[in-house]
C-alpha atoms as a PDB file:
ATOM      1  CA  MET A   1     -19.859  25.486 -30.888  1.00  0.00           C
ATOM      2  CA  ILE A   2     -16.456  25.034 -29.491  1.00  0.00           C
ATOM      3  CA  ASP A   3     -16.176  22.543 -26.489  1.00  0.00           C
ATOM      4  CA  ARG A   4     -14.008  24.606 -24.230  1.00  0.00           C
ATOM      5  CA  ARG A   5     -13.346  21.707 -21.910  1.00  0.00           C
ATOM      6  CA  ALA A   6     -12.201  19.491 -24.823  1.00  0.00           C
ATOM      7  CA  LEU A   7      -9.922  22.335 -26.107  1.00  0.00           C
ATOM      8  CA  ARG A   8      -8.440  22.827 -22.646  1.00  0.00           C
ATOM      9  CA  LEU A   9      -7.660  19.142 -22.337  1.00  0.00           C
ATOM     10  CA  HIS A  10      -6.245  19.097 -25.900  1.00  0.00           C
ATOM     11  CA  VAL A  11      -3.913  22.119 -25.601  1.00  0.00           C
ATOM     12  CA  GLY A  12      -3.113  21.461 -21.795  1.00  0.00           C
ATOM     13  CA  GLU A  13      -4.203  23.528 -18.947  1.00  0.00           C
ATOM     14  CA  PRO A  14      -1.976  25.418 -16.477  1.00  0.00           C
ATOM     15  CA  VAL A  15      -0.491  23.042 -13.918  1.00  0.00           C
ATOM     16  CA  TRP A  16      -1.815  25.006 -11.008  1.00  0.00           C
ATOM     17  CA  LEU A  17      -5.315  24.453 -12.189  1.00  0.00           C
ATOM     18  CA  ARG A  18      -5.129  20.633 -12.154  1.00  0.00           C
ATOM     19  CA  PRO A  19      -5.290  19.966  -8.526  1.00  0.00           C
ATOM     20  CA  ALA A  20      -8.315  22.258  -8.200  1.00  0.00           C
ATOM     21  CA  VAL A  21     -10.120  20.480 -10.975  1.00  0.00           C
ATOM     22  CA  ALA A  22      -9.180  17.080  -9.545  1.00  0.00           C
ATOM     23  CA  ALA A  23     -10.522  18.060  -6.101  1.00  0.00           C
ATOM     24  CA  LYS A  24     -13.683  19.514  -7.640  1.00  0.00           C
ATOM     25  CA  GLU A  25     -14.328  16.295  -9.562  1.00  0.00           C
ATOM     26  CA  GLU A  26     -13.575  14.214  -6.407  1.00  0.00           C
ATOM     27  CA  GLU A  27     -16.026  16.177  -4.255  1.00  0.00           C
ATOM     28  CA  PRO A  28     -18.921  14.021  -3.153  1.00  0.00           C
ATOM     29  CA  ARG A  29     -22.389  14.932  -4.600  1.00  0.00           C
ATOM     30  CA  GLY A  30     -25.287  16.043  -2.582  1.00  0.00           C
ATOM     31  CA  GLY A  31     -23.780  19.292  -1.078  1.00  0.00           C
ATOM     32  CA  HIS A  32     -22.248  17.712   1.957  1.00  0.00           C
ATOM     33  CA  GLY A  33     -19.160  19.281   3.709  1.00  0.00           C
ATOM     34  CA  SER A  34     -17.429  22.590   3.331  1.00  0.00           C
ATOM     35  CA  THR A  35     -17.447  24.602   0.085  1.00  0.00           C
ATOM     36  CA  VAL A  36     -13.635  24.674   0.417  1.00  0.00           C
ATOM     37  CA  PRO A  37     -12.259  21.181   0.671  1.00  0.00           C
ATOM     38  CA  GLN A  38     -10.103  20.422   3.677  1.00  0.00           C
ATOM     39  CA  LEU A  39      -7.131  19.567   1.396  1.00  0.00           C
ATOM     40  CA  ARG A  40      -7.200  23.015  -0.206  1.00  0.00           C
ATOM     41  CA  ARG A  41      -7.397  24.591   3.311  1.00  0.00           C
ATOM     42  CA  GLN A  42      -4.331  22.601   4.203  1.00  0.00           C
ATOM     43  CA  ALA A  43      -2.543  23.951   1.094  1.00  0.00           C
ATOM     44  CA  GLU A  44      -3.520  27.528   1.942  1.00  0.00           C
ATOM     45  CA  VAL A  45      -2.118  27.128   5.392  1.00  0.00           C
ATOM     46  CA  SER A  46       1.139  25.702   4.101  1.00  0.00           C
ATOM     47  CA  GLY A  47       1.390  28.580   1.608  1.00  0.00           C
ATOM     48  CA  GLU A  48       0.741  26.459  -1.505  1.00  0.00           C
ATOM     49  CA  TRP A  49      -2.409  28.476  -2.391  1.00  0.00           C
ATOM     50  CA  GLU A  50      -2.457  32.156  -2.717  1.00  0.00           C
ATOM     51  CA  ASP A  51      -5.156  34.410  -4.153  1.00  0.00           C
ATOM     52  CA  GLY A  52      -7.317  31.514  -5.296  1.00  0.00           C
ATOM     53  CA  ARG A  53      -4.531  29.602  -7.108  1.00  0.00           C
ATOM     54  CA  MET A  54      -1.870  27.043  -6.286  1.00  0.00           C
ATOM     55  CA  THR A  55       1.557  28.759  -6.114  1.00  0.00           C
ATOM     56  CA  THR A  56       3.657  25.557  -5.840  1.00  0.00           C
ATOM     57  CA  VAL A  57       2.991  22.101  -7.274  1.00  0.00           C
ATOM     58  CA  ARG A  58       2.158  19.381  -4.755  1.00  0.00           C
ATOM     59  CA  ARG A  59       3.929  16.054  -5.509  1.00  0.00           C
ATOM     60  CA  GLU A  60       1.514  13.928  -3.504  1.00  0.00           C
ATOM     61  CA  SER A  61      -1.643  12.650  -5.046  1.00  0.00           C
ATOM     62  CA  LEU A  62      -5.091  13.510  -3.517  1.00  0.00           C
ATOM     63  CA  ALA A  63      -5.112  10.054  -2.035  1.00  0.00           C
ATOM     64  CA  GLU A  64      -1.687  10.471  -0.423  1.00  0.00           C
ATOM     65  CA  GLN A  65      -2.802  13.829   1.046  1.00  0.00           C
ATOM     66  CA  ALA A  66      -6.005  12.288   2.307  1.00  0.00           C
ATOM     67  CA  ALA A  67      -3.969   9.440   3.799  1.00  0.00           C
ATOM     68  CA  GLU A  68      -1.814  12.007   5.735  1.00  0.00           C
ATOM     69  CA  LEU A  69      -4.928  13.738   7.065  1.00  0.00           C
ATOM     70  CA  LEU A  70      -6.286  10.374   8.333  1.00  0.00           C
ATOM     71  CA  ARG A  71      -2.958   9.444   9.766  1.00  0.00           C
ATOM     72  CA  ALA A  72      -2.866  12.703  11.728  1.00  0.00           C
ATOM     73  CA  ARG A  73      -6.289  11.988  13.088  1.00  0.00           C
ATOM     74  CA  VAL A  74      -5.274   8.506  14.238  1.00  0.00           C
ATOM     75  CA  ARG A  75      -2.165  10.000  15.829  1.00  0.00           C
ATOM     76  CA  ASP A  76      -4.222  12.516  17.671  1.00  0.00           C
ATOM     77  CA  GLY A  77      -6.229   9.710  19.223  1.00  0.00           C
ATOM     78  CA  GLU A  78      -9.552  10.303  17.374  1.00  0.00           C
ATOM     79  CA  TRP A  79      -9.757   6.518  16.922  1.00  0.00           C
ATOM     80  CA  GLU A  80      -8.130   4.162  19.363  1.00  0.00           C
ATOM     81  CA  ILE A  81      -6.470   0.804  18.515  1.00  0.00           C
ATOM     82  CA  GLY A  82      -9.203  -1.511  17.472  1.00  0.00           C
ATOM     83  CA  GLY A  83     -11.531   1.457  16.783  1.00  0.00           C
ATOM     84  CA  LYS A  84     -13.636   1.568  13.637  1.00  0.00           C
ATOM     85  CA  LEU A  85     -13.453   4.442  11.152  1.00  0.00           C
ATOM     86  CA  PRO A  86     -16.529   6.104   9.833  1.00  0.00           C
ATOM     87  CA  GLY A  87     -17.681   4.975   6.504  1.00  0.00           C
ATOM     88  CA  GLU A  88     -16.600   6.459   3.194  1.00  0.00           C
ATOM     89  CA  THR A  89     -19.815   8.508   2.862  1.00  0.00           C
ATOM     90  CA  THR A  90     -18.874  10.232   6.158  1.00  0.00           C
ATOM     91  CA  LEU A  91     -15.005  10.566   5.556  1.00  0.00           C
ATOM     92  CA  ALA A  92     -15.356  11.893   2.052  1.00  0.00           C
ATOM     93  CA  PRO A  93     -17.019  15.290   2.773  1.00  0.00           C
ATOM     94  CA  GLN A  94     -14.868  15.612   5.888  1.00  0.00           C
ATOM     95  CA  LEU A  95     -11.685  15.286   3.771  1.00  0.00           C
ATOM     96  CA  GLY A  96     -13.187  17.223   0.868  1.00  0.00           C
ATOM     97  CA  VAL A  97     -12.539  14.357  -1.650  1.00  0.00           C
ATOM     98  CA  GLY A  98     -14.582  11.583  -3.281  1.00  0.00           C
ATOM     99  CA  ARG A  99     -15.188   8.157  -1.978  1.00  0.00           C
ATOM    100  CA  SER A 100     -12.718   6.537  -4.441  1.00  0.00           C
ATOM    101  CA  THR A 101     -10.002   8.854  -3.047  1.00  0.00           C
ATOM    102  CA  VAL A 102     -10.970   7.764   0.536  1.00  0.00           C
ATOM    103  CA  ARG A 103     -10.795   4.055  -0.474  1.00  0.00           C
ATOM    104  CA  GLU A 104      -7.308   4.700  -1.971  1.00  0.00           C
ATOM    105  CA  ALA A 105      -6.162   6.558   1.122  1.00  0.00           C
ATOM    106  CA  ILE A 106      -7.292   3.662   3.268  1.00  0.00           C
ATOM    107  CA  ARG A 107      -5.379   1.214   1.043  1.00  0.00           C
ATOM    108  CA  ILE A 108      -2.280   3.307   1.494  1.00  0.00           C
ATOM    109  CA  LEU A 109      -2.566   3.214   5.311  1.00  0.00           C
ATOM    110  CA  ALA A 110      -3.460  -0.466   5.275  1.00  0.00           C
ATOM    111  CA  GLY A 111      -0.302  -1.115   3.319  1.00  0.00           C
ATOM    112  CA  GLN A 112       1.705   0.691   5.881  1.00  0.00           C
ATOM    113  CA  GLY A 113       0.105  -1.352   8.734  1.00  0.00           C
ATOM    114  CA  MET A 114      -1.900   1.410  10.277  1.00  0.00           C
ATOM    115  CA  LEU A 115      -5.330   0.296   9.256  1.00  0.00           C
ATOM    116  CA  THR A 116      -7.049  -2.934   8.275  1.00  0.00           C
ATOM    117  CA  THR A 117     -10.212  -3.599   6.319  1.00  0.00           C
ATOM    118  CA  ARG A 118     -12.479  -6.452   7.482  1.00  0.00           C
ATOM    119  CA  GLN A 119     -14.902  -7.680   4.835  1.00  0.00           C
ATOM    120  CA  GLY A 120     -18.347  -6.731   5.782  1.00  0.00           C
ATOM    121  CA  ALA A 121     -17.309  -5.089   8.946  1.00  0.00           C
ATOM    122  CA  GLY A 122     -15.427  -1.840   8.013  1.00  0.00           C
ATOM    123  CA  VAL A 123     -12.106  -0.312   8.524  1.00  0.00           C
ATOM    124  CA  PHE A 124     -10.246  -0.571  11.907  1.00  0.00           C
ATOM    125  CA  VAL A 125      -7.111   0.980  13.404  1.00  0.00           C
ATOM    126  CA  THR A 126      -4.297  -1.527  13.942  1.00  0.00           C
ATOM    127  CA  ALA A 127      -1.449   0.744  14.957  1.00  0.00           C
ATOM    128  CA  PRO A 128      -1.237   4.299  16.309  1.00  0.00           C
ATOM    129  CA  ASP A 129       1.354   5.342  13.584  1.00  0.00           C
ATOM    130  CA  VAL A 130       3.062   4.028  10.540  1.00  0.00           C
ATOM    131  CA  ALA A 131       5.831   1.567  11.631  1.00  0.00           C
ATOM    132  CA  GLU A 132       9.376   2.734  11.265  1.00  0.00           C
ATOM    133  CA  ARG A 133      11.116   1.283   8.286  1.00  0.00           C
ATOM    134  CA  TRP A 134      12.758  -2.068   9.091  1.00  0.00           C
ATOM    135  CA  ASP A 135      16.119  -1.033   7.558  1.00  0.00           C
ATOM    136  CA  ALA A 136      16.302   2.027   9.875  1.00  0.00           C
ATOM    137  CA  VAL A 137      15.672  -0.083  12.885  1.00  0.00           C
ATOM    138  CA  LEU A 138      18.332  -2.529  11.924  1.00  0.00           C
ATOM    139  CA  ALA A 139      20.937   0.224  11.241  1.00  0.00           C
ATOM    140  CA  ARG A 140      20.716   1.239  14.834  1.00  0.00           C
ATOM    141  CA  ALA A 141      21.054  -2.255  16.312  1.00  0.00           C
ATOM    142  CA  ASP A 142      24.383  -3.089  17.984  1.00  0.00           C
ATOM    143  CA  ILE A 143      26.057  -6.455  17.694  1.00  0.00           C
ATOM    144  CA  VAL A 144      24.460  -7.901  20.799  1.00  0.00           C
ATOM    145  CA  ALA A 145      20.984  -6.954  19.586  1.00  0.00           C
ATOM    146  CA  VAL A 146      21.746  -8.597  16.230  1.00  0.00           C
ATOM    147  CA  ILE A 147      22.928 -11.790  17.977  1.00  0.00           C
ATOM    148  CA  GLU A 148      19.693 -11.784  20.050  1.00  0.00           C
ATOM    149  CA  ALA A 149      17.563 -11.508  16.895  1.00  0.00           C
ATOM    150  CA  ARG A 150      19.666 -14.282  15.332  1.00  0.00           C
ATOM    151  CA  THR A 151      18.931 -16.479  18.330  1.00  0.00           C
ATOM    152  CA  ALA A 152      15.132 -15.899  17.972  1.00  0.00           C
ATOM    153  CA  ILE A 153      15.249 -16.832  14.317  1.00  0.00           C
ATOM    154  CA  GLU A 154      17.879 -19.601  14.174  1.00  0.00           C
ATOM    155  CA  VAL A 155      17.050 -21.622  17.297  1.00  0.00           C
ATOM    156  CA  GLU A 156      13.495 -22.205  16.040  1.00  0.00           C
ATOM    157  CA  ALA A 157      14.762 -22.865  12.428  1.00  0.00           C
ATOM    158  CA  ALA A 158      17.206 -25.496  13.768  1.00  0.00           C
ATOM    159  CA  ALA A 159      14.348 -27.188  15.610  1.00  0.00           C
ATOM    160  CA  LEU A 160      12.127 -27.237  12.573  1.00  0.00           C
ATOM    161  CA  ALA A 161      14.938 -28.316  10.276  1.00  0.00           C
ATOM    162  CA  ALA A 162      15.599 -31.335  12.516  1.00  0.00           C
ATOM    163  CA  GLU A 163      11.931 -32.232  12.208  1.00  0.00           C
ATOM    164  CA  ARG A 164      11.236 -31.399   8.524  1.00  0.00           C
ATOM    165  CA  HIS A 165      14.520 -31.618   6.515  1.00  0.00           C
ATOM    166  CA  THR A 166      14.641 -33.685   3.323  1.00  0.00           C
ATOM    167  CA  GLN A 167      17.702 -35.581   2.102  1.00  0.00           C
ATOM    168  CA  ALA A 168      18.499 -32.791  -0.345  1.00  0.00           C
ATOM    169  CA  ASP A 169      18.391 -30.263   2.473  1.00  0.00           C
ATOM    170  CA  LEU A 170      20.836 -32.387   4.428  1.00  0.00           C
ATOM    171  CA  THR A 171      23.177 -32.716   1.509  1.00  0.00           C
ATOM    172  CA  ALA A 172      23.217 -28.852   1.016  1.00  0.00           C
ATOM    173  CA  LEU A 173      23.792 -28.278   4.739  1.00  0.00           C
ATOM    174  CA  ARG A 174      26.843 -30.730   4.807  1.00  0.00           C
ATOM    175  CA  ASP A 175      28.311 -29.005   1.734  1.00  0.00           C
ATOM    176  CA  ALA A 176      27.888 -25.668   3.357  1.00  0.00           C
ATOM    177  CA  SER A 177      29.533 -26.832   6.582  1.00  0.00           C
ATOM    178  CA  ASP A 178      32.552 -28.192   4.551  1.00  0.00           C
ATOM    179  CA  GLU A 179      32.827 -24.889   2.685  1.00  0.00           C
ATOM    180  CA  ARG A 180      32.633 -22.923   5.955  1.00  0.00           C
ATOM    181  CA  GLU A 181      35.534 -25.045   7.315  1.00  0.00           C
ATOM    182  CA  ARG A 182      37.678 -24.346   4.220  1.00  0.00           C
ATOM    183  CA  THR A 183      37.386 -20.538   4.425  1.00  0.00           C
ATOM    184  CA  ARG A 184      38.520 -19.532   7.843  1.00  0.00           C
ATOM    185  CA  SER A 185      41.566 -17.511   6.694  1.00  0.00           C
ATOM    186  CA  GLY A 186      39.796 -14.335   5.748  1.00  0.00           C
ATOM    187  CA  ILE A 187      37.028 -12.543   7.627  1.00  0.00           C
ATOM    188  CA  ASP A 188      34.838 -11.561   4.726  1.00  0.00           C
ATOM    189  CA  GLU A 189      34.983 -15.009   3.116  1.00  0.00           C
ATOM    190  CA  HIS A 190      34.391 -16.740   6.518  1.00  0.00           C
ATOM    191  CA  VAL A 191      31.389 -14.560   7.201  1.00  0.00           C
ATOM    192  CA  GLU A 192      29.836 -15.241   3.839  1.00  0.00           C
ATOM    193  CA  THR A 193      30.213 -19.128   4.187  1.00  0.00           C
ATOM    194  CA  ASP A 194      28.918 -18.945   7.729  1.00  0.00           C
ATOM    195  CA  MET A 195      25.862 -17.088   6.622  1.00  0.00           C
ATOM    196  CA  SER A 196      25.403 -19.607   3.825  1.00  0.00           C
ATOM    197  CA  PHE A 197      25.553 -22.387   6.311  1.00  0.00           C
ATOM    198  CA  HIS A 198      22.915 -20.928   8.672  1.00  0.00           C
ATOM    199  CA  ARG A 199      20.675 -20.048   5.769  1.00  0.00           C
ATOM    200  CA  CYS A 200      20.750 -23.798   4.754  1.00  0.00           C
ATOM    201  CA  ILE A 201      19.410 -24.593   8.181  1.00  0.00           C
ATOM    202  CA  VAL A 202      16.575 -22.022   7.769  1.00  0.00           C
ATOM    203  CA  VAL A 203      15.823 -23.362   4.249  1.00  0.00           C
ATOM    204  CA  ALA A 204      15.662 -26.984   5.766  1.00  0.00           C
ATOM    205  CA  ALA A 205      13.126 -25.696   8.233  1.00  0.00           C
ATOM    206  CA  HIS A 206      10.594 -25.173   5.421  1.00  0.00           C
ATOM    207  CA  SER A 207       9.133 -22.106   6.981  1.00  0.00           C
ATOM    208  CA  PRO A 208       8.646 -19.416   4.407  1.00  0.00           C
ATOM    209  CA  VAL A 209       8.166 -16.723   6.942  1.00  0.00           C
ATOM    210  CA  LEU A 210      11.350 -17.535   8.798  1.00  0.00           C
ATOM    211  CA  LEU A 211      13.309 -17.541   5.611  1.00  0.00           C
ATOM    212  CA  GLU A 212      11.867 -14.172   4.581  1.00  0.00           C
ATOM    213  CA  VAL A 213      12.924 -12.690   7.990  1.00  0.00           C
ATOM    214  CA  PHE A 214      16.303 -14.262   7.776  1.00  0.00           C
ATOM    215  CA  ASP A 215      16.943 -12.922   4.275  1.00  0.00           C
ATOM    216  CA  GLY A 216      15.685  -9.488   5.253  1.00  0.00           C
ATOM    217  CA  PHE A 217      17.943  -9.469   8.284  1.00  0.00           C
ATOM    218  CA  ALA A 218      20.962 -10.866   6.489  1.00  0.00           C
ATOM    219  CA  PRO A 219      22.793  -7.650   5.476  1.00  0.00           C
ATOM    220  CA  ARG A 220      22.756  -6.287   9.038  1.00  0.00           C
ATOM    221  CA  SER A 221      23.652  -9.714  10.394  1.00  0.00           C
ATOM    222  CA  ARG A 222      26.533 -10.033   7.967  1.00  0.00           C
ATOM    223  CA  GLN A 223      27.979  -6.639   8.946  1.00  0.00           C
ATOM    224  CA  ALA A 224      27.583  -7.324  12.696  1.00  0.00           C
ATOM    225  CA  MET A 225      29.389 -10.684  12.361  1.00  0.00           C
ATOM    226  CA  THR A 226      32.174  -8.978  10.417  1.00  0.00           C
ATOM    227  CA  ASP A 227      32.547  -6.316  13.128  1.00  0.00           C
ATOM    228  CA  MET A 228      32.537  -8.947  15.783  1.00  0.00           C
ATOM    229  CA  LEU A 229      35.334 -11.005  14.157  1.00  0.00           C
ATOM    230  CA  ARG A 230      37.440  -7.910  13.810  1.00  0.00           C
ATOM    231  CA  ILE A 231      36.909  -7.044  17.468  1.00  0.00           C
ATOM    232  CA  ARG A 232      37.876 -10.585  18.421  1.00  0.00           C
ATOM    233  CA  GLY A 233      40.857 -10.675  16.183  1.00  0.00           C
ATOM    234  CA  HIS A 234      40.241 -14.267  15.009  1.00  0.00           C
ATOM    235  CA  HIS A 235      37.578 -16.344  13.308  1.00  0.00           C
ATOM    236  CA  GLY A 236      37.288 -19.305  15.789  1.00  0.00           C
ATOM    237  CA  GLY A 237      39.208 -22.507  15.603  1.00  0.00           C
ATOM    238  CA  GLY A 238      38.418 -26.237  15.642  1.00  0.00           C
ATOM    239  CA  ALA A 239      35.959 -25.841  18.571  1.00  0.00           C
ATOM    240  CA  ASP A 240      33.781 -23.351  16.563  1.00  0.00           C
ATOM    241  CA  GLN A 241      33.612 -25.713  13.596  1.00  0.00           C
ATOM    242  CA  ASP A 242      32.968 -28.657  15.848  1.00  0.00           C
ATOM    243  CA  VAL A 243      29.837 -26.934  17.208  1.00  0.00           C
ATOM    244  CA  HIS A 244      28.537 -26.468  13.683  1.00  0.00           C
ATOM    245  CA  ASP A 245      29.298 -30.066  12.842  1.00  0.00           C
ATOM    246  CA  ARG A 246      27.343 -31.173  15.936  1.00  0.00           C
ATOM    247  CA  ILE A 247      24.392 -29.024  14.832  1.00  0.00           C
ATOM    248  CA  VAL A 248      24.470 -30.773  11.470  1.00  0.00           C
ATOM    249  CA  ALA A 249      24.500 -34.167  13.150  1.00  0.00           C
ATOM    250  CA  ALA A 250      21.656 -33.313  15.464  1.00  0.00           C
ATOM    251  CA  ILE A 251      19.532 -32.141  12.430  1.00  0.00           C
ATOM    252  CA  ALA A 252      20.511 -35.276  10.536  1.00  0.00           C
ATOM    253  CA  ALA A 253      19.315 -37.420  13.589  1.00  0.00           C
ATOM    254  CA  ARG A 254      16.035 -35.473  13.730  1.00  0.00           C
ATOM    255  CA  ASP A 255      16.978 -34.565  17.354  1.00  0.00           C
ATOM    256  CA  VAL A 256      14.984 -31.363  17.743  1.00  0.00           C
ATOM    257  CA  GLU A 257      16.002 -30.483  21.296  1.00  0.00           C
ATOM    258  CA  THR A 258      19.687 -31.026  20.684  1.00  0.00           C
ATOM    259  CA  ALA A 259      19.670 -29.039  17.361  1.00  0.00           C
ATOM    260  CA  ALA A 260      17.895 -26.055  19.144  1.00  0.00           C
ATOM    261  CA  GLY A 261      20.030 -26.291  22.276  1.00  0.00           C
ATOM    262  CA  LEU A 262      23.377 -26.347  20.366  1.00  0.00           C
ATOM    263  CA  THR A 263      22.349 -23.378  18.254  1.00  0.00           C
ATOM    264  CA  ARG A 264      21.196 -21.403  21.258  1.00  0.00           C
ATOM    265  CA  ALA A 265      24.408 -22.182  23.229  1.00  0.00           C
ATOM    266  CA  HIS A 266      26.616 -21.259  20.138  1.00  0.00           C
ATOM    267  CA  LEU A 267      24.937 -17.816  19.743  1.00  0.00           C
ATOM    268  CA  ARG A 268      25.047 -17.119  23.518  1.00  0.00           C
ATOM    269  CA  ALA A 269      28.797 -17.925  23.478  1.00  0.00           C
ATOM    270  CA  LEU A 270      29.275 -15.203  20.761  1.00  0.00           C
ATOM    271  CA  THR A 271      27.641 -12.718  23.011  1.00  0.00           C
ATOM    272  CA  GLU A 272      29.836 -13.632  25.922  1.00  0.00           C
ATOM    273  CA  LEU A 273      32.925 -13.304  23.798  1.00  0.00           C
ATOM    274  CA  LEU A 274      32.002  -9.577  23.343  1.00  0.00           C
ATOM    275  CA  GLY A 275      32.312  -9.094  27.119  1.00  0.00           C
END
């Protein structure tokens, strides 16, 4: 006897059948839920299903579609911040998928910061929606906003560097300061060496999270500093370099308050120059 299922898998089945088969295999056992899975009903509304078959191929996996349905329910306020989601056995028939798909959908939303799983307690809502991409937020930030963010990062980094730096950190910082002083003739070169100097301070802070934030923020910060120097028409003179040398001296002396205060004053002065 011919095994039709094996034959179909061997020769390949029409692509429009695959989502239906996957959905059927994912349906929870026991007869719970609607006979037409919610995901298929969503496709029918969007015009992807017609006369019992899929008319266009969905690029999202079942888990991604299930995640979007859960996301919509959170947005609609079905569960508040801190609220607990029903268990997999409840959500699976509601979404028309299997428990493994529910688990994957939850992992997707947890990775996006919308849900969190607490061992032995369940799944909870941590945000009303998926956070906007960081690069999109930075792209809209003006120069003043960038300097404000630099202040939040670099003042604390300077204080920690004064407290935690090693001799190797101090050597790297002094070398970066010397390189910064040598490259004040061109805007691009000056910005690069200035960024390298300030990164050395963050490295000397020995704070992995601060360094991660600084590096993620660096491209927008670099562009903002370039724009600011073009607006000002010059790169700063001896007074500007003197401030940086004093920051190095304060870090070397392990003077936490002075290192932080000089960094804050320097960045505030940049804001004031913009008027």
